[in-house]
């Protein structure tokens, strides 16, 4: 499964938007590390969802935390909220779902 964000990349050097490749089409910056981070995020996201589906909340939380560490943002916060909800930590789930992760543990 590929996410919509996994189809395009913005070069951190020149801000050009392009399909994924190892180098930027405009400035020729090396994008391999960025690609590796995106791939690792996707792998942890899939693992989190599989762990939730198979009733392994601690594994789901671990993977969701990795996602949030790699790419903090609304998607990772929602994933963490879901993982906390499944794990039974309602306070943290509500904090991440509301967009206020400072109110709960990460």
N, C-alpha and C. Protein backbone atom coordinates (compact mmCIF):
# COMPACT_ATOMS: atom_id res chain seq x y z
N UNK A 1 0.84 -1.17 0.00
CA UNK A 1 0.00 0.00 0.00
C UNK A 1 0.89 1.24 0.00
N UNK A 2 0.65 2.16 -0.89
CA UNK A 2 1.41 3.39 -0.91
C UNK A 2 0.50 4.55 -0.54
N UNK A 3 1.03 5.47 0.21
CA UNK A 3 0.29 6.66 0.60
C UNK A 3 0.43 7.71 -0.48
N UNK A 4 -0.48 8.65 -0.48
CA UNK A 4 -0.40 9.73 -1.45
C UNK A 4 0.89 10.52 -1.30
N UNK A 5 1.39 10.62 -0.05
CA UNK A 5 2.61 11.37 0.20
C UNK A 5 3.85 10.61 -0.26
N UNK A 6 3.69 9.31 -0.49
CA UNK A 6 4.83 8.52 -0.92
C UNK A 6 5.06 8.59 -2.43
N UNK A 7 4.18 9.21 -3.16
CA UNK A 7 4.32 9.26 -4.61
C UNK A 7 5.14 10.46 -5.07
N UNK A 8 5.13 11.51 -4.27
CA UNK A 8 5.85 12.73 -4.64
C UNK A 8 6.77 13.13 -3.48
N UNK A 9 7.81 13.86 -3.83
CA UNK A 9 8.76 14.34 -2.83
C UNK A 9 9.11 15.79 -3.15
N UNK A 10 9.36 16.57 -2.11
CA UNK A 10 9.81 17.95 -2.27
C UNK A 10 11.27 17.99 -1.86
N UNK A 11 12.12 18.44 -2.75
CA UNK A 11 13.55 18.53 -2.46
C UNK A 11 13.77 19.52 -1.32
N UNK A 12 14.48 19.11 -0.27
CA UNK A 12 14.71 20.03 0.84
C UNK A 12 15.69 21.16 0.49
N UNK A 13 16.42 21.01 -0.60
CA UNK A 13 17.39 22.03 -0.98
C UNK A 13 16.76 23.12 -1.83
N UNK A 14 16.12 22.72 -2.94
CA UNK A 14 15.59 23.72 -3.87
C UNK A 14 14.06 23.78 -3.89
N UNK A 15 13.40 22.89 -3.12
CA UNK A 15 11.95 22.84 -2.97
C UNK A 15 11.20 22.35 -4.22
N UNK A 16 11.90 21.80 -5.19
CA UNK A 16 11.25 21.26 -6.38
C UNK A 16 10.42 20.03 -6.00
N UNK A 17 9.23 19.92 -6.56
CA UNK A 17 8.38 18.76 -6.32
C UNK A 17 8.53 17.81 -7.50
N UNK A 18 8.74 16.55 -7.19
CA UNK A 18 8.95 15.56 -8.25
C UNK A 18 8.58 14.19 -7.74
N UNK A 19 8.53 13.22 -8.63
CA UNK A 19 8.35 11.84 -8.21
C UNK A 19 9.63 11.39 -7.53
N UNK A 20 9.51 10.35 -6.69
CA UNK A 20 10.67 9.87 -5.96
C UNK A 20 11.79 9.44 -6.89
N UNK A 21 12.99 9.84 -6.54
CA UNK A 21 14.21 9.38 -7.21
C UNK A 21 15.35 9.59 -6.23
N UNK A 22 16.52 9.10 -6.59
CA UNK A 22 17.67 9.24 -5.70
C UNK A 22 18.32 10.62 -5.75
N UNK A 23 18.02 11.38 -6.79
CA UNK A 23 18.56 12.74 -6.90
C UNK A 23 17.47 13.70 -7.36
N UNK A 24 17.62 14.94 -6.98
CA UNK A 24 16.67 15.97 -7.39
C UNK A 24 16.87 16.28 -8.87
N UNK A 25 15.78 16.38 -9.58
CA UNK A 25 15.86 16.66 -11.02
C UNK A 25 16.41 18.06 -11.29
N UNK A 26 16.19 19.00 -10.36
CA UNK A 26 16.60 20.37 -10.60
C UNK A 26 18.02 20.66 -10.09
N UNK A 27 18.28 20.38 -8.81
CA UNK A 27 19.57 20.78 -8.22
C UNK A 27 20.54 19.61 -8.04
N UNK A 28 20.08 18.40 -8.33
CA UNK A 28 20.90 17.19 -8.25
C UNK A 28 21.30 16.81 -6.82
N UNK A 29 20.56 17.30 -5.82
CA UNK A 29 20.84 16.90 -4.43
C UNK A 29 20.54 15.41 -4.25
N UNK A 30 21.28 14.80 -3.36
CA UNK A 30 21.08 13.39 -3.04
C UNK A 30 19.85 13.25 -2.15
N UNK A 31 18.88 12.47 -2.59
CA UNK A 31 17.64 12.29 -1.85
C UNK A 31 17.50 10.89 -1.26
N UNK A 32 18.59 10.12 -1.27
CA UNK A 32 18.50 8.73 -0.80
C UNK A 32 18.14 8.63 0.68
N UNK A 33 18.67 9.51 1.52
CA UNK A 33 18.35 9.46 2.94
C UNK A 33 16.87 9.80 3.16
N UNK A 34 16.39 10.78 2.45
CA UNK A 34 14.98 11.16 2.53
C UNK A 34 14.08 9.99 2.11
N UNK A 35 14.48 9.31 1.07
CA UNK A 35 13.73 8.14 0.59
C UNK A 35 13.75 7.03 1.64
N UNK A 36 14.89 6.84 2.27
CA UNK A 36 15.02 5.81 3.31
C UNK A 36 14.10 6.12 4.49
N UNK A 37 14.04 7.38 4.91
CA UNK A 37 13.17 7.77 6.02
C UNK A 37 11.71 7.52 5.65
N UNK A 38 11.31 7.90 4.44
CA UNK A 38 9.93 7.69 4.00
C UNK A 38 9.58 6.20 3.96
N UNK A 39 10.51 5.40 3.49
CA UNK A 39 10.28 3.96 3.42
C UNK A 39 10.18 3.35 4.81
N UNK A 40 11.04 3.79 5.73
CA UNK A 40 11.00 3.31 7.11
C UNK A 40 9.70 3.72 7.79
N UNK A 41 9.26 4.95 7.55
CA UNK A 41 7.98 5.42 8.09
C UNK A 41 6.85 4.51 7.61
N UNK A 42 6.82 4.25 6.32
CA UNK A 42 5.77 3.40 5.76
C UNK A 42 5.78 1.99 6.34
N UNK A 43 6.96 1.45 6.53
CA UNK A 43 7.09 0.11 7.11
C UNK A 43 6.56 0.09 8.54
N UNK A 44 6.93 1.10 9.35
CA UNK A 44 6.44 1.16 10.73
C UNK A 44 4.94 1.42 10.78
N UNK A 45 4.42 2.21 9.86
CA UNK A 45 2.98 2.47 9.81
C UNK A 45 2.21 1.19 9.51
N UNK A 46 2.68 0.45 8.52
CA UNK A 46 2.02 -0.82 8.18
C UNK A 46 2.09 -1.80 9.35
N UNK A 47 3.25 -1.86 10.01
CA UNK A 47 3.41 -2.75 11.15
C UNK A 47 2.46 -2.35 12.27
N UNK A 48 2.32 -1.07 12.52
CA UNK A 48 1.41 -0.58 13.56
C UNK A 48 -0.02 -1.02 13.27
N UNK A 49 -0.46 -0.82 12.04
CA UNK A 49 -1.84 -1.18 11.68
C UNK A 49 -2.05 -2.69 11.75
N UNK A 50 -1.05 -3.47 11.37
CA UNK A 50 -1.16 -4.93 11.47
C UNK A 50 -1.21 -5.36 12.93
N UNK A 51 -0.40 -4.71 13.76
CA UNK A 51 -0.40 -5.04 15.19
C UNK A 51 -1.75 -4.70 15.83
N UNK A 52 -2.34 -3.60 15.43
CA UNK A 52 -3.66 -3.24 15.93
C UNK A 52 -4.67 -4.29 15.49
N UNK A 53 -4.59 -4.67 14.23
CA UNK A 53 -5.54 -5.64 13.67
C UNK A 53 -5.43 -7.01 14.33
N UNK A 54 -4.25 -7.36 14.79
CA UNK A 54 -4.05 -8.69 15.38
C UNK A 54 -3.99 -8.66 16.91
N UNK A 55 -4.36 -7.52 17.50
CA UNK A 55 -4.46 -7.45 18.96
C UNK A 55 -3.15 -7.39 19.71
N UNK A 56 -2.16 -6.68 19.16
CA UNK A 56 -0.87 -6.52 19.84
C UNK A 56 -0.63 -5.03 20.10
N UNK A 57 -1.29 -4.46 21.10
CA UNK A 57 -1.23 -3.01 21.33
C UNK A 57 0.15 -2.47 21.66
N UNK A 58 0.98 -3.22 22.38
CA UNK A 58 2.31 -2.69 22.72
C UNK A 58 3.19 -2.57 21.47
N UNK A 59 3.08 -3.53 20.56
CA UNK A 59 3.81 -3.42 19.29
C UNK A 59 3.28 -2.27 18.45
N UNK A 60 1.97 -2.09 18.47
CA UNK A 60 1.36 -0.98 17.72
C UNK A 60 1.88 0.36 18.24
N UNK A 61 1.93 0.49 19.57
CA UNK A 61 2.44 1.74 20.15
C UNK A 61 3.90 1.98 19.79
N UNK A 62 4.69 0.94 19.84
CA UNK A 62 6.12 1.08 19.50
C UNK A 62 6.27 1.57 18.06
N UNK A 63 5.53 0.98 17.15
CA UNK A 63 5.63 1.37 15.74
C UNK A 63 5.08 2.78 15.52
N UNK A 64 3.99 3.11 16.20
CA UNK A 64 3.42 4.46 16.06
C UNK A 64 4.38 5.52 16.58
N UNK A 65 5.07 5.19 17.67
CA UNK A 65 6.06 6.14 18.21
C UNK A 65 7.22 6.33 17.22
N UNK A 66 7.63 5.25 16.57
CA UNK A 66 8.69 5.39 15.55
C UNK A 66 8.22 6.31 14.43
N UNK A 67 6.98 6.13 14.00
CA UNK A 67 6.44 7.00 12.94
C UNK A 67 6.46 8.46 13.37
N UNK A 68 6.03 8.71 14.60
CA UNK A 68 5.99 10.09 15.10
C UNK A 68 7.40 10.66 15.22
N UNK A 69 8.34 9.85 15.59
CA UNK A 69 9.73 10.30 15.69
C UNK A 69 10.29 10.63 14.30
N UNK A 70 9.99 9.78 13.32
CA UNK A 70 10.52 9.97 11.96
C UNK A 70 9.90 11.16 11.25
N UNK A 71 8.58 11.31 11.40
CA UNK A 71 7.89 12.37 10.67
C UNK A 71 6.71 12.87 11.50
N UNK A 72 7.00 13.73 12.49
CA UNK A 72 5.92 14.25 13.32
C UNK A 72 4.95 15.08 12.47
N UNK A 73 3.70 14.94 12.75
CA UNK A 73 2.69 15.67 12.01
C UNK A 73 1.32 15.07 12.26
N UNK A 74 0.32 15.58 11.57
CA UNK A 74 -1.06 15.12 11.81
C UNK A 74 -1.26 13.62 11.58
N UNK A 75 -0.65 13.06 10.54
CA UNK A 75 -0.83 11.63 10.27
C UNK A 75 -0.24 10.78 11.39
N UNK A 76 0.94 11.12 11.83
CA UNK A 76 1.59 10.36 12.91
C UNK A 76 0.83 10.54 14.22
N UNK A 77 0.29 11.74 14.47
CA UNK A 77 -0.50 11.95 15.68
C UNK A 77 -1.77 11.11 15.67
N UNK A 78 -2.43 11.02 14.52
CA UNK A 78 -3.64 10.19 14.43
C UNK A 78 -3.30 8.71 14.66
N UNK A 79 -2.18 8.28 14.10
CA UNK A 79 -1.76 6.89 14.29
C UNK A 79 -1.47 6.62 15.76
N UNK A 80 -0.79 7.56 16.41
CA UNK A 80 -0.52 7.41 17.85
C UNK A 80 -1.82 7.40 18.65
N UNK A 81 -2.75 8.26 18.29
CA UNK A 81 -4.03 8.30 19.00
C UNK A 81 -4.73 6.96 18.88
N UNK A 82 -4.72 6.38 17.70
CA UNK A 82 -5.35 5.08 17.50
C UNK A 82 -4.64 4.00 18.31
N UNK A 83 -3.32 4.01 18.31
CA UNK A 83 -2.55 3.01 19.06
C UNK A 83 -2.80 3.15 20.56
N UNK A 84 -2.84 4.39 21.06
CA UNK A 84 -3.13 4.59 22.48
C UNK A 84 -4.55 4.14 22.81
N UNK A 85 -5.49 4.40 21.92
CA UNK A 85 -6.87 3.99 22.14
C UNK A 85 -6.96 2.47 22.27
N UNK A 86 -6.31 1.76 21.35
CA UNK A 86 -6.31 0.30 21.39
C UNK A 86 -5.62 -0.22 22.64
N UNK A 87 -4.59 0.50 23.09
CA UNK A 87 -3.86 0.08 24.29
C UNK A 87 -4.61 0.43 25.58
N UNK A 88 -5.70 1.18 25.46
CA UNK A 88 -6.50 1.51 26.64
C UNK A 88 -6.08 2.78 27.36
N UNK A 89 -5.20 3.57 26.77
CA UNK A 89 -4.78 4.83 27.39
C UNK A 89 -5.63 5.95 26.79
N UNK A 90 -6.81 6.15 27.38
CA UNK A 90 -7.78 7.09 26.82
C UNK A 90 -7.28 8.53 26.87
N UNK A 91 -6.57 8.90 27.92
CA UNK A 91 -6.08 10.27 28.06
C UNK A 91 -5.09 10.61 26.95
N UNK A 92 -4.13 9.73 26.72
CA UNK A 92 -3.15 9.98 25.66
C UNK A 92 -3.82 9.94 24.29
N UNK A 93 -4.76 9.02 24.10
CA UNK A 93 -5.47 8.94 22.82
C UNK A 93 -6.20 10.25 22.54
N UNK A 94 -6.88 10.78 23.55
CA UNK A 94 -7.61 12.03 23.38
C UNK A 94 -6.66 13.19 23.11
N UNK A 95 -5.52 13.20 23.80
CA UNK A 95 -4.56 14.28 23.62
C UNK A 95 -4.01 14.29 22.19
N UNK A 96 -3.64 13.12 21.67
CA UNK A 96 -3.10 13.07 20.32
C UNK A 96 -4.18 13.30 19.27
N UNK A 97 -5.39 12.83 19.54
CA UNK A 97 -6.49 13.04 18.59
C UNK A 97 -6.86 14.51 18.49
N UNK A 98 -6.74 15.23 19.60
CA UNK A 98 -7.08 16.66 19.60
C UNK A 98 -5.97 17.52 19.04
N UNK A 99 -4.82 16.91 18.78
CA UNK A 99 -3.70 17.68 18.24
C UNK A 99 -2.84 18.31 19.32
N UNK A 100 -3.01 17.91 20.57
CA UNK A 100 -2.24 18.46 21.68
C UNK A 100 -1.42 17.36 22.35
N UNK A 101 -0.37 16.84 21.64
CA UNK A 101 0.40 15.74 22.20
C UNK A 101 1.15 16.12 23.47
N UNK A 102 1.27 17.39 23.77
CA UNK A 102 1.93 17.80 25.01
C UNK A 102 1.10 17.45 26.23
N UNK A 103 -0.19 17.18 26.01
CA UNK A 103 -1.06 16.83 27.12
C UNK A 103 -0.95 15.37 27.51
N UNK A 104 -0.32 14.56 26.66
CA UNK A 104 -0.21 13.14 26.97
C UNK A 104 1.20 12.63 26.74
N UNK A 105 1.49 11.41 27.14
CA UNK A 105 2.83 10.85 26.96
C UNK A 105 3.11 10.50 25.51
N UNK A 106 4.36 10.59 25.09
CA UNK A 106 4.75 10.18 23.74
C UNK A 106 5.57 8.98 23.89
